[in-house]
Amino acid sequence: FMPAGQVDIRFCPDLAALVGEKMRCRVIEIDLGSNKLVLSRREILAEEQAKLREKTWAQLATGQIREGRVISVQPYGAFVDLGGVDGLLHVSAMSHTRVSDPNKVVKVGDVVQVMVLGIDEEKQRVSLGLKQLMKDPWSTVAADFPVGTKVSGVVSRILDFGAFVELAAGVDGLVHISEVSQRHISRVSEEIKVGQRVEAKVLAIDLEKKRISLS
């Protein structure tokens, strides 16, 4: 007999899926009176994972590109098993565009390529990045949207001080409230709405801060 808690290192939601599967187990209890053996697969897996964890920690280095499996998705990001060591892929490191739901980027069970951004072995923490392996849309902004040119985009957000206009995936420009209209307005929403396509002029570009000023 194998108790549910001895089946795996992590919680196993569907024990029926294991029917017919061969597995290595350890005898952890013998009851001669009832002719019963209590088995554990978890102990063997834990020992194997400990060896794998030690090997992975020895190999990990910042800047590495590693393959891992997504084991959990949370509102703030996803945890990826790199081989006995779990790393956090924070939502801010998933894409160059704003991610509101990490489940739309990765799902439990996905095998992903990630970059190691930071390592804290003392706290057993590894920071991972996905967008670092993607082309940065800001790398061509100066050529795509030169200062002085007219551009077209969709209003993605409206705040008290202005409106953000999406010019391309991952590239937003800001129309300050003072640049929204030739007349004085107290609210940006008096002139434009979220989802509206607008035309504007590029006033300035700050590649270091990734900012585009529009009018």
N, C-alpha and C. Protein backbone atom coordinates (compact mmCIF):
# COMPACT_ATOMS: atom_id res chain seq x y z
N PHE A 1 0.84 -1.20 0.00
CA PHE A 1 0.00 0.00 0.00
C PHE A 1 0.88 1.25 0.00
N MET A 2 0.51 2.21 -0.84
CA MET A 2 1.24 3.47 -0.89
C MET A 2 0.29 4.62 -0.57
N PRO A 3 0.50 5.31 0.56
CA PRO A 3 -0.34 6.46 0.90
C PRO A 3 -0.20 7.55 -0.16
N ALA A 4 -1.23 8.34 -0.33
CA ALA A 4 -1.22 9.41 -1.34
C ALA A 4 -0.05 10.37 -1.13
N GLY A 5 0.29 10.61 0.13
CA GLY A 5 1.37 11.53 0.44
C GLY A 5 2.75 11.00 0.11
N GLN A 6 2.83 9.70 -0.21
CA GLN A 6 4.12 9.09 -0.54
C GLN A 6 4.28 8.82 -2.04
N VAL A 7 3.30 9.28 -2.82
CA VAL A 7 3.33 9.02 -4.26
C VAL A 7 4.33 9.91 -4.99
N ASP A 8 4.37 11.18 -4.63
CA ASP A 8 5.22 12.13 -5.35
C ASP A 8 5.71 13.21 -4.40
N ILE A 9 6.69 13.98 -4.87
CA ILE A 9 7.21 15.09 -4.07
C ILE A 9 6.17 16.19 -3.99
N ARG A 10 5.51 16.42 -5.12
CA ARG A 10 4.44 17.42 -5.17
C ARG A 10 3.09 16.72 -5.11
N PHE A 11 2.07 17.50 -4.79
CA PHE A 11 0.72 16.96 -4.69
C PHE A 11 0.29 16.33 -6.02
N CYS A 12 -0.24 15.13 -5.94
CA CYS A 12 -0.71 14.41 -7.13
C CYS A 12 -2.24 14.43 -7.13
N PRO A 13 -2.85 15.26 -7.98
CA PRO A 13 -4.31 15.43 -7.94
C PRO A 13 -5.10 14.25 -8.49
N ASP A 14 -4.46 13.42 -9.33
CA ASP A 14 -5.19 12.32 -9.98
C ASP A 14 -4.40 11.02 -9.83
N LEU A 15 -4.66 10.30 -8.75
CA LEU A 15 -3.96 9.03 -8.51
C LEU A 15 -4.36 7.97 -9.53
N ALA A 16 -5.58 8.07 -10.05
CA ALA A 16 -6.06 7.08 -11.02
C ALA A 16 -5.20 7.06 -12.28
N ALA A 17 -4.56 8.19 -12.58
CA ALA A 17 -3.72 8.27 -13.78
C ALA A 17 -2.47 7.40 -13.66
N LEU A 18 -2.16 6.96 -12.45
CA LEU A 18 -0.96 6.15 -12.22
C LEU A 18 -1.21 4.65 -12.36
N VAL A 19 -2.47 4.27 -12.51
CA VAL A 19 -2.81 2.84 -12.62
C VAL A 19 -2.11 2.24 -13.84
N GLY A 20 -1.40 1.14 -13.62
CA GLY A 20 -0.69 0.46 -14.70
C GLY A 20 0.74 0.94 -14.89
N GLU A 21 1.12 2.01 -14.18
CA GLU A 21 2.47 2.56 -14.34
C GLU A 21 3.45 1.82 -13.43
N LYS A 22 4.63 1.50 -13.97
CA LYS A 22 5.68 0.87 -13.18
C LYS A 22 6.49 1.96 -12.49
N MET A 23 6.83 1.74 -11.22
CA MET A 23 7.60 2.74 -10.48
C MET A 23 8.49 2.09 -9.43
N ARG A 24 9.59 2.75 -9.15
CA ARG A 24 10.50 2.29 -8.10
C ARG A 24 10.00 2.83 -6.77
N CYS A 25 9.95 1.95 -5.78
CA CYS A 25 9.44 2.34 -4.47
C CYS A 25 10.37 1.81 -3.37
N ARG A 26 10.19 2.35 -2.19
CA ARG A 26 10.95 1.89 -1.03
C ARG A 26 9.98 1.41 0.04
N VAL A 27 10.31 0.29 0.66
CA VAL A 27 9.49 -0.21 1.77
C VAL A 27 9.81 0.62 3.00
N ILE A 28 8.81 1.30 3.54
CA ILE A 28 9.04 2.15 4.71
C ILE A 28 8.38 1.59 5.98
N GLU A 29 7.56 0.56 5.79
CA GLU A 29 6.92 -0.04 6.97
C GLU A 29 6.48 -1.47 6.63
N ILE A 30 6.68 -2.36 7.60
CA ILE A 30 6.25 -3.75 7.43
C ILE A 30 5.32 -4.12 8.59
N ASP A 31 4.14 -4.58 8.25
CA ASP A 31 3.17 -5.00 9.26
C ASP A 31 2.91 -6.49 9.05
N LEU A 32 3.66 -7.33 9.80
CA LEU A 32 3.54 -8.78 9.64
C LEU A 32 2.17 -9.28 10.08
N GLY A 33 1.58 -8.59 11.04
CA GLY A 33 0.29 -9.03 11.55
C GLY A 33 -0.79 -8.99 10.48
N SER A 34 -0.75 -8.00 9.64
CA SER A 34 -1.77 -7.87 8.60
C SER A 34 -1.21 -8.15 7.21
N ASN A 35 0.05 -8.65 7.19
CA ASN A 35 0.71 -8.96 5.91
C ASN A 35 0.66 -7.75 4.96
N LYS A 36 1.04 -6.60 5.49
CA LYS A 36 0.96 -5.37 4.69
C LYS A 36 2.31 -4.66 4.65
N LEU A 37 2.65 -4.19 3.45
CA LEU A 37 3.84 -3.37 3.27
C LEU A 37 3.39 -1.95 2.93
N VAL A 38 4.04 -0.98 3.54
CA VAL A 38 3.78 0.42 3.20
C VAL A 38 4.95 0.91 2.37
N LEU A 39 4.64 1.44 1.19
CA LEU A 39 5.67 1.84 0.23
C LEU A 39 5.75 3.35 0.07
N SER A 40 6.91 3.80 -0.39
CA SER A 40 7.09 5.23 -0.67
C SER A 40 7.85 5.41 -1.98
N ARG A 41 7.25 6.13 -2.87
CA ARG A 41 7.94 6.55 -4.09
C ARG A 41 8.56 7.93 -3.87
N ARG A 42 7.94 8.67 -2.97
CA ARG A 42 8.38 10.03 -2.70
C ARG A 42 9.82 10.07 -2.19
N GLU A 43 10.20 9.14 -1.33
CA GLU A 43 11.56 9.14 -0.77
C GLU A 43 12.60 8.99 -1.87
N ILE A 44 12.33 8.09 -2.81
CA ILE A 44 13.28 7.87 -3.91
C ILE A 44 13.36 9.10 -4.80
N LEU A 45 12.20 9.68 -5.11
CA LEU A 45 12.18 10.88 -5.95
C LEU A 45 12.91 12.04 -5.26
N ALA A 46 12.73 12.15 -3.95
CA ALA A 46 13.38 13.23 -3.19
C ALA A 46 14.90 13.09 -3.23
N GLU A 47 15.38 11.86 -3.12
CA GLU A 47 16.83 11.62 -3.18
C GLU A 47 17.37 11.94 -4.57
N GLU A 48 16.63 11.52 -5.59
CA GLU A 48 17.06 11.79 -6.97
C GLU A 48 17.06 13.29 -7.25
N GLN A 49 16.03 13.98 -6.73
CA GLN A 49 15.94 15.42 -6.97
C GLN A 49 17.05 16.16 -6.23
N ALA A 50 17.42 15.67 -5.04
CA ALA A 50 18.48 16.31 -4.27
C ALA A 50 19.81 16.25 -5.04
N LYS A 51 20.07 15.11 -5.66
CA LYS A 51 21.29 14.96 -6.46
C LYS A 51 21.25 15.88 -7.68
N LEU A 52 20.06 15.92 -8.31
CA LEU A 52 19.90 16.76 -9.49
C LEU A 52 20.01 18.23 -9.12
N ARG A 53 19.44 18.60 -7.96
CA ARG A 53 19.50 19.98 -7.50
C ARG A 53 20.94 20.43 -7.28
N GLU A 54 21.72 19.56 -6.65
CA GLU A 54 23.12 19.88 -6.39
C GLU A 54 23.89 20.09 -7.70
N LYS A 55 23.60 19.24 -8.68
CA LYS A 55 24.26 19.35 -9.97
C LYS A 55 23.85 20.63 -10.69
N THR A 56 22.56 20.95 -10.62
CA THR A 56 22.05 22.15 -11.31
C THR A 56 22.61 23.42 -10.68
N TRP A 57 22.65 23.48 -9.34
CA TRP A 57 23.20 24.66 -8.67
C TRP A 57 24.66 24.87 -9.06
N ALA A 58 25.39 23.78 -9.23
CA ALA A 58 26.81 23.88 -9.58
C ALA A 58 26.99 24.42 -11.01
N GLN A 59 25.99 24.20 -11.86
CA GLN A 59 26.09 24.61 -13.26
C GLN A 59 25.48 25.97 -13.55
N LEU A 60 24.56 26.42 -12.69
CA LEU A 60 23.83 27.66 -12.95
C LEU A 60 24.76 28.88 -12.99
N ALA A 61 24.48 29.76 -13.93
CA ALA A 61 25.24 31.00 -14.04
C ALA A 61 24.36 32.07 -14.67
N THR A 62 24.52 33.30 -14.21
CA THR A 62 23.75 34.41 -14.77
C THR A 62 24.05 34.57 -16.26
N GLY A 63 23.00 34.75 -17.04
CA GLY A 63 23.16 34.91 -18.48
C GLY A 63 22.96 33.63 -19.26
N GLN A 64 22.90 32.50 -18.55
CA GLN A 64 22.68 31.22 -19.23
C GLN A 64 21.28 31.15 -19.83
N ILE A 65 21.17 30.39 -20.90
CA ILE A 65 19.87 30.07 -21.48
C ILE A 65 19.62 28.60 -21.16
N ARG A 66 18.55 28.34 -20.43
CA ARG A 66 18.27 26.98 -20.00
C ARG A 66 16.84 26.58 -20.35
N GLU A 67 16.65 25.27 -20.43
CA GLU A 67 15.32 24.74 -20.70
C GLU A 67 14.70 24.28 -19.39
N GLY A 68 13.42 24.55 -19.22
CA GLY A 68 12.74 24.13 -18.00
C GLY A 68 11.27 23.87 -18.27
N ARG A 69 10.62 23.32 -17.25
CA ARG A 69 9.20 23.01 -17.37
C ARG A 69 8.41 23.85 -16.37
N VAL A 70 7.34 24.47 -16.85
CA VAL A 70 6.49 25.30 -16.01
C VAL A 70 5.72 24.40 -15.04
N ILE A 71 5.88 24.65 -13.74
CA ILE A 71 5.22 23.80 -12.74
C ILE A 71 4.10 24.54 -12.01
N SER A 72 4.09 25.86 -12.12
CA SER A 72 3.05 26.64 -11.44
C SER A 72 2.94 28.01 -12.08
N VAL A 73 1.70 28.50 -12.21
CA VAL A 73 1.47 29.84 -12.74
C VAL A 73 0.67 30.64 -11.71
N GLN A 74 1.21 31.80 -11.34
CA GLN A 74 0.58 32.66 -10.35
C GLN A 74 0.31 34.03 -10.98
N PRO A 75 -0.49 34.88 -10.33
CA PRO A 75 -0.77 36.21 -10.88
C PRO A 75 0.49 37.04 -11.11
N TYR A 76 1.54 36.77 -10.32
CA TYR A 76 2.77 37.56 -10.43
C TYR A 76 3.84 36.92 -11.31
N GLY A 77 3.56 35.72 -11.83
CA GLY A 77 4.55 35.07 -12.68
C GLY A 77 4.40 33.56 -12.71
N ALA A 78 5.46 32.88 -13.13
CA ALA A 78 5.41 31.42 -13.23
C ALA A 78 6.69 30.82 -12.65
N PHE A 79 6.55 29.64 -12.04
CA PHE A 79 7.71 28.92 -11.52
C PHE A 79 8.10 27.85 -12.53
N VAL A 80 9.40 27.80 -12.81
CA VAL A 80 9.93 26.89 -13.82
C VAL A 80 10.96 25.96 -13.18
N ASP A 81 10.77 24.65 -13.37
CA ASP A 81 11.70 23.65 -12.85
C ASP A 81 12.86 23.53 -13.83
N LEU A 82 14.06 23.90 -13.37
CA LEU A 82 15.25 23.87 -14.22
C LEU A 82 16.02 22.56 -14.08
N GLY A 83 15.50 21.68 -13.22
CA GLY A 83 16.19 20.42 -12.95
C GLY A 83 16.51 20.34 -11.47
N GLY A 84 15.47 20.19 -10.66
CA GLY A 84 15.66 20.15 -9.21
C GLY A 84 15.72 21.51 -8.57
N VAL A 85 15.81 22.55 -9.37
CA VAL A 85 15.85 23.94 -8.88
C VAL A 85 14.73 24.71 -9.57
N ASP A 86 13.88 25.34 -8.76
CA ASP A 86 12.78 26.12 -9.31
C ASP A 86 13.18 27.58 -9.43
N GLY A 87 12.90 28.17 -10.59
CA GLY A 87 13.18 29.58 -10.81
C GLY A 87 11.89 30.34 -11.04
N LEU A 88 11.89 31.63 -10.71
CA LEU A 88 10.70 32.46 -10.90
C LEU A 88 10.83 33.29 -12.17
N LEU A 89 9.87 33.09 -13.05
CA LEU A 89 9.74 33.91 -14.25
C LEU A 89 8.70 34.98 -13.92
N HIS A 90 9.18 36.15 -13.50
CA HIS A 90 8.25 37.21 -13.08
C HIS A 90 7.46 37.72 -14.27
N VAL A 91 6.25 38.17 -14.00
CA VAL A 91 5.37 38.64 -15.07
C VAL A 91 6.02 39.77 -15.87
N SER A 92 6.84 40.59 -15.21
CA SER A 92 7.49 41.71 -15.90
C SER A 92 8.59 41.26 -16.84
N ALA A 93 9.02 39.99 -16.71
CA ALA A 93 10.10 39.47 -17.56
C ALA A 93 9.58 38.49 -18.60
N MET A 94 8.25 38.44 -18.76
CA MET A 94 7.66 37.50 -19.71
C MET A 94 7.61 38.03 -21.14
N SER A 95 7.39 39.32 -21.28
CA SER A 95 7.21 39.87 -22.62
C SER A 95 7.56 41.35 -22.62
N HIS A 96 7.86 41.87 -23.81
CA HIS A 96 8.13 43.30 -23.95
C HIS A 96 6.83 44.09 -23.88
N THR A 97 5.71 43.40 -24.09
CA THR A 97 4.41 44.04 -23.95
C THR A 97 3.87 43.77 -22.54
N ARG A 98 2.92 44.57 -22.11
CA ARG A 98 2.35 44.41 -20.77
C ARG A 98 1.55 43.12 -20.69
N VAL A 99 1.83 42.31 -19.67
CA VAL A 99 1.13 41.03 -19.48
C VAL A 99 0.17 41.16 -18.30
N SER A 100 -1.11 41.04 -18.56
CA SER A 100 -2.11 41.14 -17.50
C SER A 100 -2.42 39.77 -16.90
N ASP A 101 -2.22 38.72 -17.70
CA ASP A 101 -2.51 37.36 -17.24
C ASP A 101 -1.39 36.42 -17.68
N PRO A 102 -0.52 35.98 -16.75
CA PRO A 102 0.59 35.09 -17.10
C PRO A 102 0.14 33.81 -17.80
N ASN A 103 -1.10 33.37 -17.54
CA ASN A 103 -1.61 32.15 -18.17
C ASN A 103 -1.75 32.29 -19.68
N LYS A 104 -1.75 33.52 -20.17
CA LYS A 104 -1.85 33.74 -21.61
C LYS A 104 -0.47 33.61 -22.28
N VAL A 105 0.58 33.57 -21.45
CA VAL A 105 1.94 33.45 -21.98
C VAL A 105 2.47 32.03 -21.82
N VAL A 106 2.29 31.46 -20.63
CA VAL A 106 2.74 30.09 -20.37
C VAL A 106 1.67 29.33 -19.59
N LYS A 107 1.74 28.01 -19.68
CA LYS A 107 0.81 27.17 -18.94
C LYS A 107 1.58 26.05 -18.25
N VAL A 108 1.00 25.50 -17.19
CA VAL A 108 1.63 24.41 -16.46
C VAL A 108 1.89 23.25 -17.43
N GLY A 109 3.12 22.76 -17.41
CA GLY A 109 3.51 21.66 -18.29
C GLY A 109 4.28 22.12 -19.51
N ASP A 110 4.23 23.42 -19.82
CA ASP A 110 4.98 23.94 -20.97
C ASP A 110 6.48 23.80 -20.75
N VAL A 111 7.19 23.42 -21.80
CA VAL A 111 8.65 23.41 -21.77
C VAL A 111 9.12 24.70 -22.43
N VAL A 112 9.89 25.50 -21.69
CA VAL A 112 10.28 26.82 -22.19
C VAL A 112 11.79 27.03 -22.12
N GLN A 113 12.27 27.91 -22.99
CA GLN A 113 13.65 28.36 -22.95
C GLN A 113 13.66 29.69 -22.21
N VAL A 114 14.48 29.80 -21.17
CA VAL A 114 14.54 31.02 -20.37
C VAL A 114 15.99 31.43 -20.13
N MET A 115 16.16 32.71 -19.81
CA MET A 115 17.49 33.20 -19.47
C MET A 115 17.59 33.37 -17.96
N VAL A 116 18.72 32.98 -17.39
CA VAL A 116 18.95 33.15 -15.95
C VAL A 116 19.37 34.61 -15.72
N LEU A 117 18.54 35.35 -14.99
CA LEU A 117 18.80 36.78 -14.76
C LEU A 117 19.51 37.03 -13.44
N GLY A 118 19.24 36.19 -12.45
CA GLY A 118 19.86 36.39 -11.14
C GLY A 118 19.84 35.11 -10.33
N ILE A 119 20.86 34.97 -9.46
CA ILE A 119 20.98 33.77 -8.63
C ILE A 119 21.28 34.18 -7.20
N ASP A 120 20.50 33.63 -6.26
CA ASP A 120 20.76 33.83 -4.84
C ASP A 120 20.71 32.45 -4.19
N GLU A 121 21.87 31.79 -4.17
CA GLU A 121 21.91 30.41 -3.68
C GLU A 121 21.60 30.35 -2.19
N GLU A 122 21.98 31.39 -1.45
CA GLU A 122 21.72 31.40 -0.01
C GLU A 122 20.22 31.36 0.28
N LYS A 123 19.45 32.14 -0.50
CA LYS A 123 18.00 32.17 -0.33
C LYS A 123 17.29 31.18 -1.25
N GLN A 124 18.10 30.43 -2.02
CA GLN A 124 17.55 29.43 -2.94
C GLN A 124 16.58 30.06 -3.94
N ARG A 125 17.01 31.18 -4.53
CA ARG A 125 16.16 31.88 -5.49
C ARG A 125 16.88 32.07 -6.82
N VAL A 126 16.12 31.85 -7.88
CA VAL A 126 16.65 32.06 -9.23
C VAL A 126 15.64 32.90 -10.00
N SER A 127 16.10 34.00 -10.58
CA SER A 127 15.23 34.86 -11.38
C SER A 127 15.43 34.54 -12.85
N LEU A 128 14.33 34.40 -13.57
CA LEU A 128 14.38 34.02 -14.97
C LEU A 128 13.73 35.06 -15.86
N GLY A 129 14.11 35.06 -17.13
CA GLY A 129 13.53 35.98 -18.09
C GLY A 129 13.19 35.28 -19.38
N LEU A 130 12.08 35.69 -19.98
CA LEU A 130 11.66 35.15 -21.26
C LEU A 130 11.80 36.20 -22.36
N LYS A 131 11.48 37.45 -22.01
CA LYS A 131 11.53 38.52 -23.01
C LYS A 131 12.96 38.82 -23.46
N GLN A 132 13.93 38.44 -22.62
CA GLN A 132 15.33 38.67 -22.98
C GLN A 132 15.75 37.85 -24.19
N LEU A 133 14.97 36.82 -24.51
CA LEU A 133 15.28 35.98 -25.67
C LEU A 133 14.48 36.41 -26.90
N MET A 134 13.70 37.48 -26.73
CA MET A 134 12.90 38.00 -27.84
C MET A 134 13.52 39.30 -28.35
N LYS A 135 13.20 39.65 -29.57
CA LYS A 135 13.69 40.90 -30.13
C LYS A 135 13.04 42.06 -29.39
N ASP A 136 13.86 43.03 -28.98
CA ASP A 136 13.36 44.20 -28.28
C ASP A 136 12.77 45.16 -29.32
N PRO A 137 11.46 45.43 -29.25
CA PRO A 137 10.84 46.32 -30.24
C PRO A 137 11.41 47.73 -30.22
N TRP A 138 12.06 48.11 -29.11
CA TRP A 138 12.63 49.45 -29.01
C TRP A 138 13.95 49.57 -29.77
N SER A 139 14.49 48.45 -30.22
CA SER A 139 15.78 48.50 -30.92
C SER A 139 15.68 49.20 -32.27
N THR A 140 14.46 49.30 -32.83
CA THR A 140 14.29 49.95 -34.13
C THR A 140 13.37 51.17 -34.06
N VAL A 141 13.08 51.63 -32.84
CA VAL A 141 12.15 52.75 -32.68
C VAL A 141 12.63 54.01 -33.39
N ALA A 142 13.91 54.34 -33.24
CA ALA A 142 14.43 55.57 -33.85
C ALA A 142 14.25 55.57 -35.36
N ALA A 143 14.39 54.39 -35.97
CA ALA A 143 14.23 54.30 -37.42
C ALA A 143 12.76 54.20 -37.83
N ASP A 144 11.98 53.53 -37.00
CA ASP A 144 10.57 53.32 -37.33
C ASP A 144 9.71 54.57 -37.09
N PHE A 145 10.08 55.34 -36.06
CA PHE A 145 9.28 56.52 -35.70
C PHE A 145 10.18 57.73 -35.49
N PRO A 146 10.79 58.24 -36.56
CA PRO A 146 11.71 59.38 -36.43
C PRO A 146 11.01 60.62 -35.86
N VAL A 147 11.78 61.41 -35.11
CA VAL A 147 11.25 62.65 -34.57
C VAL A 147 10.77 63.55 -35.71
N GLY A 148 9.57 64.09 -35.55
CA GLY A 148 9.01 64.98 -36.55
C GLY A 148 8.03 64.32 -37.50
N THR A 149 7.99 62.98 -37.49
CA THR A 149 7.08 62.29 -38.40
C THR A 149 5.70 62.10 -37.79
N LYS A 150 4.73 61.89 -38.65
CA LYS A 150 3.37 61.61 -38.19
C LYS A 150 3.20 60.11 -38.06
N VAL A 151 2.56 59.69 -36.98
CA VAL A 151 2.36 58.27 -36.71
C VAL A 151 0.90 58.00 -36.38
N SER A 152 0.52 56.75 -36.48
CA SER A 152 -0.84 56.35 -36.17
C SER A 152 -0.79 55.23 -35.13
N GLY A 153 -1.71 55.29 -34.17
CA GLY A 153 -1.73 54.26 -33.14
C GLY A 153 -3.07 54.22 -32.44
N VAL A 154 -3.20 53.25 -31.54
CA VAL A 154 -4.45 53.07 -30.79
C VAL A 154 -4.23 53.45 -29.33
N VAL A 155 -5.14 54.23 -28.79
CA VAL A 155 -5.05 54.65 -27.39
C VAL A 155 -5.21 53.43 -26.49
N SER A 156 -4.18 53.16 -25.69
CA SER A 156 -4.20 51.97 -24.83
C SER A 156 -4.56 52.28 -23.39
N ARG A 157 -4.18 53.48 -22.93
CA ARG A 157 -4.49 53.87 -21.55
C ARG A 157 -4.67 55.38 -21.48
N ILE A 158 -5.55 55.79 -20.57
CA ILE A 158 -5.74 57.22 -20.32
C ILE A 158 -5.53 57.48 -18.83
N LEU A 159 -4.63 58.42 -18.53
CA LEU A 159 -4.36 58.81 -17.15
C LEU A 159 -4.63 60.31 -17.01
N ASP A 160 -4.51 60.81 -15.78
CA ASP A 160 -4.80 62.23 -15.55
C ASP A 160 -3.88 63.14 -16.36
N PHE A 161 -2.63 62.71 -16.56
CA PHE A 161 -1.66 63.59 -17.21
C PHE A 161 -1.55 63.38 -18.72
N GLY A 162 -2.25 62.39 -19.26
CA GLY A 162 -2.17 62.18 -20.70
C GLY A 162 -2.67 60.82 -21.13
N ALA A 163 -2.39 60.48 -22.37
CA ALA A 163 -2.84 59.20 -22.94
C ALA A 163 -1.67 58.46 -23.55
N PHE A 164 -1.66 57.15 -23.36
CA PHE A 164 -0.64 56.31 -23.98
C PHE A 164 -1.21 55.72 -25.26
N VAL A 165 -0.41 55.83 -26.31
CA VAL A 165 -0.83 55.35 -27.63
C VAL A 165 0.10 54.23 -28.07
N GLU A 166 -0.46 53.07 -28.37
CA GLU A 166 0.35 51.94 -28.83
C GLU A 166 0.67 52.13 -30.31
N LEU A 167 1.96 52.31 -30.59
CA LEU A 167 2.41 52.51 -31.96
C LEU A 167 2.78 51.18 -32.62
N ALA A 168 3.24 50.24 -31.80
CA ALA A 168 3.59 48.89 -32.25
C ALA A 168 3.58 48.01 -31.01
N ALA A 169 3.63 46.71 -31.20
CA ALA A 169 3.63 45.79 -30.06
C ALA A 169 4.82 46.09 -29.15
N GLY A 170 4.54 46.48 -27.91
CA GLY A 170 5.60 46.78 -26.97
C GLY A 170 6.12 48.20 -27.03
N VAL A 171 5.55 49.02 -27.88
CA VAL A 171 6.01 50.41 -28.03
C VAL A 171 4.83 51.36 -27.87
N ASP A 172 4.83 52.09 -26.75
CA ASP A 172 3.79 53.08 -26.48
C ASP A 172 4.39 54.47 -26.45
N GLY A 173 3.64 55.43 -26.96
CA GLY A 173 4.05 56.83 -26.87
C GLY A 173 3.08 57.57 -25.98
N LEU A 174 3.55 58.65 -25.36
CA LEU A 174 2.69 59.43 -24.46
C LEU A 174 2.30 60.76 -25.10
N VAL A 175 0.99 60.99 -25.14
CA VAL A 175 0.47 62.29 -25.53
C VAL A 175 0.11 63.00 -24.23
N HIS A 176 0.93 63.98 -23.84
CA HIS A 176 0.66 64.71 -22.61
C HIS A 176 -0.64 65.49 -22.77
N ILE A 177 -1.34 65.71 -21.67
CA ILE A 177 -2.63 66.40 -21.73
C ILE A 177 -2.52 67.76 -22.42
N SER A 178 -1.35 68.39 -22.29
CA SER A 178 -1.16 69.70 -22.92
C SER A 178 -1.00 69.59 -24.43
N GLU A 179 -0.79 68.35 -24.93
CA GLU A 179 -0.59 68.13 -26.36
C GLU A 179 -1.78 67.42 -27.01
N VAL A 180 -2.84 67.20 -26.23
CA VAL A 180 -4.00 66.48 -26.75
C VAL A 180 -4.83 67.33 -27.69
N SER A 181 -5.00 68.60 -27.34
CA SER A 181 -5.87 69.47 -28.13
C SER A 181 -5.32 70.89 -28.16
N GLN A 182 -5.73 71.66 -29.17
CA GLN A 182 -5.30 73.06 -29.26
C GLN A 182 -6.05 73.91 -28.24
N ARG A 183 -7.20 73.43 -27.81
CA ARG A 183 -7.95 74.15 -26.78
C ARG A 183 -7.63 73.56 -25.41
N HIS A 184 -7.85 74.32 -24.37
CA HIS A 184 -7.59 73.84 -23.01
C HIS A 184 -8.63 72.79 -22.62
N ILE A 185 -8.15 71.68 -22.09
CA ILE A 185 -9.07 70.64 -21.61
C ILE A 185 -8.67 70.25 -20.19
N SER A 186 -9.65 69.85 -19.40
CA SER A 186 -9.38 69.45 -18.02
C SER A 186 -9.24 67.94 -17.90
N ARG A 187 -9.80 67.23 -18.89
CA ARG A 187 -9.70 65.77 -18.89
C ARG A 187 -9.33 65.29 -20.29
N VAL A 188 -8.43 64.33 -20.35
CA VAL A 188 -8.01 63.76 -21.63
C VAL A 188 -9.19 63.11 -22.34
N SER A 189 -10.07 62.49 -21.55
CA SER A 189 -11.22 61.77 -22.11
C SER A 189 -12.21 62.69 -22.82
N GLU A 190 -12.03 64.00 -22.68
CA GLU A 190 -12.90 64.93 -23.41
C GLU A 190 -12.63 64.86 -24.91
N GLU A 191 -11.41 64.45 -25.26
CA GLU A 191 -11.00 64.45 -26.67
C GLU A 191 -10.81 63.05 -27.25
N ILE A 192 -10.26 62.14 -26.46
CA ILE A 192 -9.98 60.79 -26.98
C ILE A 192 -10.41 59.72 -25.99
N LYS A 193 -10.61 58.51 -26.52
CA LYS A 193 -11.07 57.39 -25.71
C LYS A 193 -10.14 56.20 -25.89
N VAL A 194 -10.13 55.31 -24.91
CA VAL A 194 -9.35 54.07 -25.02
C VAL A 194 -9.90 53.25 -26.18
N GLY A 195 -9.00 52.75 -27.02
CA GLY A 195 -9.41 51.96 -28.18
C GLY A 195 -9.53 52.78 -29.44
N GLN A 196 -9.49 54.10 -29.31
CA GLN A 196 -9.61 54.98 -30.47
C GLN A 196 -8.28 55.06 -31.22
N ARG A 197 -8.34 55.01 -32.54
CA ARG A 197 -7.13 55.20 -33.35
C ARG A 197 -6.92 56.69 -33.58
N VAL A 198 -5.71 57.13 -33.32
CA VAL A 198 -5.40 58.55 -33.46
C VAL A 198 -4.12 58.74 -34.28
N GLU A 199 -3.97 59.93 -34.82
CA GLU A 199 -2.74 60.31 -35.51
C GLU A 199 -2.03 61.35 -34.67
N ALA A 200 -0.73 61.25 -34.61
CA ALA A 200 0.04 62.18 -33.78
C ALA A 200 1.41 62.43 -34.42
N LYS A 201 2.10 63.40 -33.85
CA LYS A 201 3.44 63.74 -34.32
C LYS A 201 4.45 63.38 -33.25
N VAL A 202 5.57 62.80 -33.66
CA VAL A 202 6.63 62.42 -32.71
C VAL A 202 7.43 63.67 -32.34
N LEU A 203 7.41 64.01 -31.05
CA LEU A 203 8.12 65.20 -30.57
C LEU A 203 9.53 64.87 -30.09
N ALA A 204 9.66 63.74 -29.40
CA ALA A 204 10.97 63.37 -28.84
C ALA A 204 11.01 61.88 -28.54
N ILE A 205 12.23 61.33 -28.55
CA ILE A 205 12.44 59.91 -28.23
C ILE A 205 13.57 59.80 -27.22
N ASP A 206 13.34 59.05 -26.16
CA ASP A 206 14.37 58.76 -25.16
C ASP A 206 14.53 57.24 -25.13
N LEU A 207 15.51 56.74 -25.87
CA LEU A 207 15.69 55.29 -25.98
C LEU A 207 16.12 54.67 -24.66
N GLU A 208 16.90 55.40 -23.87
CA GLU A 208 17.39 54.87 -22.60
C GLU A 208 16.23 54.61 -21.64
N LYS A 209 15.29 55.55 -21.57
CA LYS A 209 14.14 55.42 -20.68
C LYS A 209 12.94 54.80 -21.39
N LYS A 210 13.11 54.52 -22.68
CA LYS A 210 12.04 53.94 -23.50
C LYS A 210 10.77 54.79 -23.43
N ARG A 211 10.94 56.04 -23.85
CA ARG A 211 9.82 56.98 -23.84
C ARG A 211 9.72 57.69 -25.19
N ILE A 212 8.50 57.86 -25.65
CA ILE A 212 8.24 58.63 -26.86
C ILE A 212 7.20 59.69 -26.51
N SER A 213 7.52 60.93 -26.84
CA SER A 213 6.58 62.03 -26.60
C SER A 213 5.85 62.33 -27.89
N LEU A 214 4.53 62.40 -27.80
CA LEU A 214 3.69 62.64 -28.98
C LEU A 214 2.85 63.90 -28.80
N SER A 215 2.36 64.39 -29.93
CA SER A 215 1.45 65.54 -29.91
C SER A 215 0.31 65.30 -30.88
